[in-house]
Amino acid sequence: MMNMDQEKESIDFDFTADDKIENLNSGYKEILYLCALASNVIYQNDPFYELEKGNYSDCGHSIQRLCVSQSVDRAENLNLIVGLSDVKYMIFESMLFSKTLFIAFRGTQNLSDFLTDINCISQVNEMLSGKFHSGIYSRSELINLKYFVHKINAGYKIVFTGHSLGAAVASMTAIKLTSRMHEEKAKNVFFIGFGSPLFADKTLQ
């Protein structure tokens, strides 16, 4: 973990697939740590409490300005088998990185999540090539991308993360977000996932 008294720095993802974790710069190690921590704590009923006074309060994290959101699809014709009633995620900043947002999605935890996992009928998107896991794709549709587009246009970097189902939804959201913007701005969108299931076929580009 980094010294929290140092000046905020910009995210630097300058590494290759051959780099070992011990050789990565301290900034990237901190980003990995924050993503792993957030992907874990989002499973808790009250992430605010857990980070401030609970089991994660002594982790030495740099999380600040935390917001936990739960979008709910209230469509009257929602089919129970689809299992897409909610998606829980947290948005936060780090006191160590300037103009950077982290978004962590919760993985499988309840019946709705399980039904999302098994809803694997192919789904297509007119803006993207390939076919997608319909449960994961539909859950990502609950996320309003306008907020993130606004932040990117304001010069922010955005890091999507999550574990299991959360990692897949995070990746799907990142893909959809980058497809809506110019290549240069899309370079400010990142994804770090843990144990993500496959959610697209090999034709995705």
Protein backbone atom coordinates (compact mmCIF):
# COMPACT_ATOMS: atom_id res chain seq x y z
CA MET A 1 0.00 0.00 0.00
CA MET A 2 1.15 3.49 -0.78
CA ASN A 3 1.96 6.38 1.51
CA MET A 4 -1.25 8.38 1.88
CA ASP A 5 0.68 11.58 2.59
CA GLN A 6 2.11 11.72 -0.92
CA GLU A 7 0.61 13.84 -3.68
CA LYS A 8 -2.14 12.37 -5.81
CA GLU A 9 -0.90 10.80 -9.00
CA SER A 10 -2.44 9.77 -12.30
CA ILE A 11 -3.07 6.12 -13.05
CA ASP A 12 -0.27 4.53 -15.06
CA PHE A 13 -0.99 1.17 -16.66
CA ASP A 14 2.39 0.93 -18.35
CA PHE A 15 3.08 -2.79 -18.06
CA THR A 16 3.10 -5.96 -20.16
CA ALA A 17 1.62 -9.41 -19.65
CA ASP A 18 5.12 -10.71 -18.84
CA ASP A 19 5.59 -8.37 -15.86
CA LYS A 20 5.50 -10.03 -12.46
CA ILE A 21 3.45 -8.48 -9.68
CA GLU A 22 6.57 -7.67 -7.62
CA ASN A 23 7.95 -5.65 -10.53
CA LEU A 24 4.89 -3.48 -11.04
CA ASN A 25 4.99 0.13 -9.92
CA SER A 26 3.49 0.98 -6.53
CA GLY A 27 0.61 2.87 -8.16
CA TYR A 28 -0.59 -0.17 -10.06
CA LYS A 29 -0.23 -2.39 -6.99
CA GLU A 30 -2.43 0.04 -5.08
CA ILE A 31 -5.03 -0.07 -7.86
CA LEU A 32 -5.07 -3.88 -7.74
CA TYR A 33 -5.46 -3.71 -3.97
CA LEU A 34 -8.35 -1.24 -4.17
CA CYS A 35 -10.12 -3.34 -6.82
CA ALA A 36 -9.71 -6.54 -4.79
CA LEU A 37 -10.90 -4.83 -1.60
CA ALA A 38 -13.91 -3.21 -3.26
CA SER A 39 -14.87 -6.44 -5.06
CA ASN A 40 -14.99 -8.09 -1.65
CA VAL A 41 -16.64 -5.43 0.49
CA ILE A 42 -19.48 -4.85 -2.01
CA TYR A 43 -20.87 -8.24 -0.91
CA GLN A 44 -21.49 -6.80 2.55
CA ASN A 45 -24.89 -5.41 3.54
CA ASP A 46 -23.34 -2.08 4.60
CA PRO A 47 -20.02 -1.39 2.83
CA PHE A 48 -19.89 2.07 4.47
CA TYR A 49 -19.82 0.59 7.96
CA GLU A 50 -17.47 -2.26 7.08
CA LEU A 51 -14.87 0.12 5.65
CA GLU A 52 -15.14 2.66 8.45
CA LYS A 53 -15.72 0.57 11.58
CA GLY A 54 -16.17 -3.06 10.56
CA ASN A 55 -14.01 -5.91 9.34
CA TYR A 56 -12.27 -3.80 6.68
CA SER A 57 -11.54 -0.72 8.80
CA ASP A 58 -7.95 -1.77 9.57
CA CYS A 59 -6.99 -2.53 5.96
CA GLY A 60 -5.21 0.78 5.45
CA HIS A 61 -7.26 1.58 2.37
CA SER A 62 -7.36 4.94 0.57
CA ILE A 63 -11.08 4.82 -0.31
CA GLN A 64 -12.98 8.09 -0.02
CA ARG A 65 -16.23 9.62 -1.30
CA LEU A 66 -17.96 6.27 -1.34
CA CYS A 67 -21.44 5.81 -2.81
CA VAL A 68 -23.32 2.50 -2.93
CA SER A 69 -26.10 2.28 -5.49
CA GLN A 70 -28.66 -0.36 -6.32
CA SER A 71 -30.50 0.07 -9.62
CA VAL A 72 -33.82 -1.74 -9.76
CA ASP A 73 -35.66 -2.74 -12.93
CA ARG A 74 -39.32 -2.20 -12.08
CA ALA A 75 -40.77 -3.22 -15.46
CA GLU A 76 -44.18 -4.77 -14.86
CA ASN A 77 -43.61 -7.49 -17.44
CA LEU A 78 -40.28 -8.59 -15.98
CA ASN A 79 -40.04 -12.37 -16.17
CA LEU A 80 -38.94 -13.98 -12.88
CA ILE A 81 -36.88 -16.54 -14.78
CA VAL A 82 -34.74 -13.75 -16.17
CA GLY A 83 -33.77 -12.88 -12.60
CA LEU A 84 -32.71 -9.32 -13.41
CA SER A 85 -34.23 -7.27 -10.65
CA ASP A 86 -31.24 -5.43 -9.23
CA VAL A 87 -27.54 -4.75 -9.53
CA LYS A 88 -25.50 -3.59 -6.57
CA TYR A 89 -22.35 -1.57 -7.08
CA MET A 90 -20.21 0.99 -5.33
CA ILE A 91 -18.55 4.07 -6.77
CA PHE A 92 -15.60 5.59 -4.97
CA GLU A 93 -12.47 7.66 -5.31
CA SER A 94 -9.04 7.13 -3.83
CA MET A 95 -7.16 9.84 -1.95
CA LEU A 96 -4.05 8.68 -3.82
CA PHE A 97 -5.20 9.15 -7.43
CA SER A 98 -6.45 12.33 -9.05
CA LYS A 99 -9.63 12.38 -11.16
CA THR A 100 -10.14 8.61 -10.99
CA LEU A 101 -13.38 6.76 -10.29
CA PHE A 102 -13.59 3.10 -9.26
CA ILE A 103 -16.81 1.14 -9.79
CA ALA A 104 -17.10 -2.29 -8.13
CA PHE A 105 -20.01 -4.65 -8.93
CA ARG A 106 -21.26 -7.35 -6.57
CA GLY A 107 -21.07 -10.95 -7.72
CA THR A 108 -23.49 -13.82 -7.18
CA GLN A 109 -25.12 -13.63 -3.75
CA ASN A 110 -28.88 -14.20 -3.98
CA LEU A 111 -31.55 -15.93 -6.08
CA SER A 112 -31.74 -13.04 -8.54
CA ASP A 113 -27.98 -13.30 -9.13
CA PHE A 114 -28.22 -17.07 -9.60
CA LEU A 115 -31.02 -16.68 -12.15
CA THR A 116 -28.87 -14.14 -13.98
CA ASP A 117 -26.01 -16.66 -14.09
CA ILE A 118 -28.13 -19.39 -15.70
CA ASN A 119 -29.94 -17.09 -18.16
CA CYS A 120 -27.43 -17.79 -20.94
CA ILE A 121 -29.50 -17.33 -24.10
CA SER A 122 -27.51 -15.41 -26.73
CA GLN A 123 -27.99 -11.64 -26.82
CA VAL A 124 -26.83 -9.27 -29.57
CA ASN A 125 -26.05 -5.55 -29.58
CA GLU A 126 -26.27 -3.44 -32.74
CA MET A 127 -23.22 -1.39 -31.76
CA LEU A 128 -21.01 -4.38 -30.90
CA SER A 129 -19.88 -7.49 -32.71
CA GLY A 130 -20.43 -10.89 -31.17
CA LYS A 131 -23.10 -12.52 -29.05
CA PHE A 132 -23.44 -12.09 -25.30
CA HIS A 133 -24.68 -14.00 -22.27
CA SER A 134 -28.19 -12.53 -22.05
CA GLY A 135 -28.33 -12.51 -18.24
CA ILE A 136 -25.07 -10.60 -17.86
CA TYR A 137 -25.88 -8.30 -20.77
CA SER A 138 -29.34 -7.48 -19.40
CA ARG A 139 -27.95 -6.77 -15.95
CA SER A 140 -25.45 -4.32 -17.46
CA GLU A 141 -28.41 -2.59 -19.10
CA LEU A 142 -29.50 -1.46 -15.63
CA ILE A 143 -26.47 0.83 -15.48
CA ASN A 144 -26.98 4.40 -16.72
CA LEU A 145 -23.84 5.17 -18.73
CA LYS A 146 -24.52 8.91 -19.04
CA TYR A 147 -22.87 9.63 -15.68
CA PHE A 148 -19.68 7.84 -16.71
CA VAL A 149 -19.64 9.50 -20.14
CA HIS A 150 -19.88 12.87 -18.36
CA LYS A 151 -16.97 11.97 -16.08
CA ILE A 152 -14.79 10.82 -18.99
CA ASN A 153 -15.53 14.06 -20.83
CA ALA A 154 -14.50 15.93 -17.67
CA GLY A 155 -11.08 14.28 -17.78
CA TYR A 156 -11.62 11.38 -15.38
CA LYS A 157 -10.26 7.86 -15.64
CA ILE A 158 -12.70 5.08 -14.75
CA VAL A 159 -11.79 1.64 -13.41
CA PHE A 160 -14.52 -1.04 -13.48
CA THR A 161 -14.02 -4.05 -11.25
CA GLY A 162 -15.83 -6.94 -9.61
CA HIS A 163 -15.70 -10.62 -8.72
CA SER A 164 -17.47 -13.50 -10.50
CA LEU A 165 -20.79 -12.22 -11.91
CA GLY A 166 -19.72 -8.75 -10.81
CA ALA A 167 -16.57 -8.98 -12.92
CA ALA A 168 -18.56 -9.98 -15.99
CA VAL A 169 -21.05 -7.14 -15.51
CA ALA A 170 -18.17 -4.71 -14.95
CA SER A 171 -16.45 -5.86 -18.15
CA MET A 172 -19.68 -5.71 -20.15
CA THR A 173 -20.35 -2.20 -18.85
CA ALA A 174 -16.83 -1.08 -19.75
CA ILE A 175 -17.19 -2.49 -23.26
CA LYS A 176 -20.51 -0.73 -23.81
CA LEU A 177 -19.11 2.53 -22.45
CA THR A 178 -16.03 2.51 -24.69
CA SER A 179 -18.16 1.72 -27.74
CA ARG A 180 -19.90 5.07 -27.29
CA MET A 181 -16.85 7.29 -27.34
CA HIS A 182 -13.84 8.26 -29.42
CA GLU A 183 -10.82 5.97 -29.19
CA GLU A 184 -8.70 8.54 -27.35
CA LYS A 185 -11.28 8.97 -24.60
CA ALA A 186 -11.93 5.23 -24.48
CA LYS A 187 -8.31 4.81 -23.36
CA ASN A 188 -9.36 6.27 -20.00
CA VAL A 189 -11.67 3.31 -19.29
CA PHE A 190 -10.12 0.29 -17.54
CA PHE A 191 -11.28 -3.09 -16.27
CA ILE A 192 -9.75 -5.30 -13.58
CA GLY A 193 -11.78 -8.40 -12.76
CA PHE A 194 -11.49 -11.45 -10.52
CA GLY A 195 -12.87 -14.83 -11.59
CA SER A 196 -15.05 -13.53 -14.41
CA PRO A 197 -17.16 -16.10 -16.28
CA LEU A 198 -17.30 -16.02 -20.07
CA PHE A 199 -20.01 -13.65 -21.26
CA ALA A 200 -19.32 -13.26 -25.00
CA ASP A 201 -18.39 -15.49 -27.92
CA LYS A 202 -15.15 -15.40 -29.88
CA THR A 203 -16.53 -12.96 -32.50
CA LEU A 204 -16.46 -10.06 -30.03
CA GLN A 205 -13.93 -7.44 -31.14
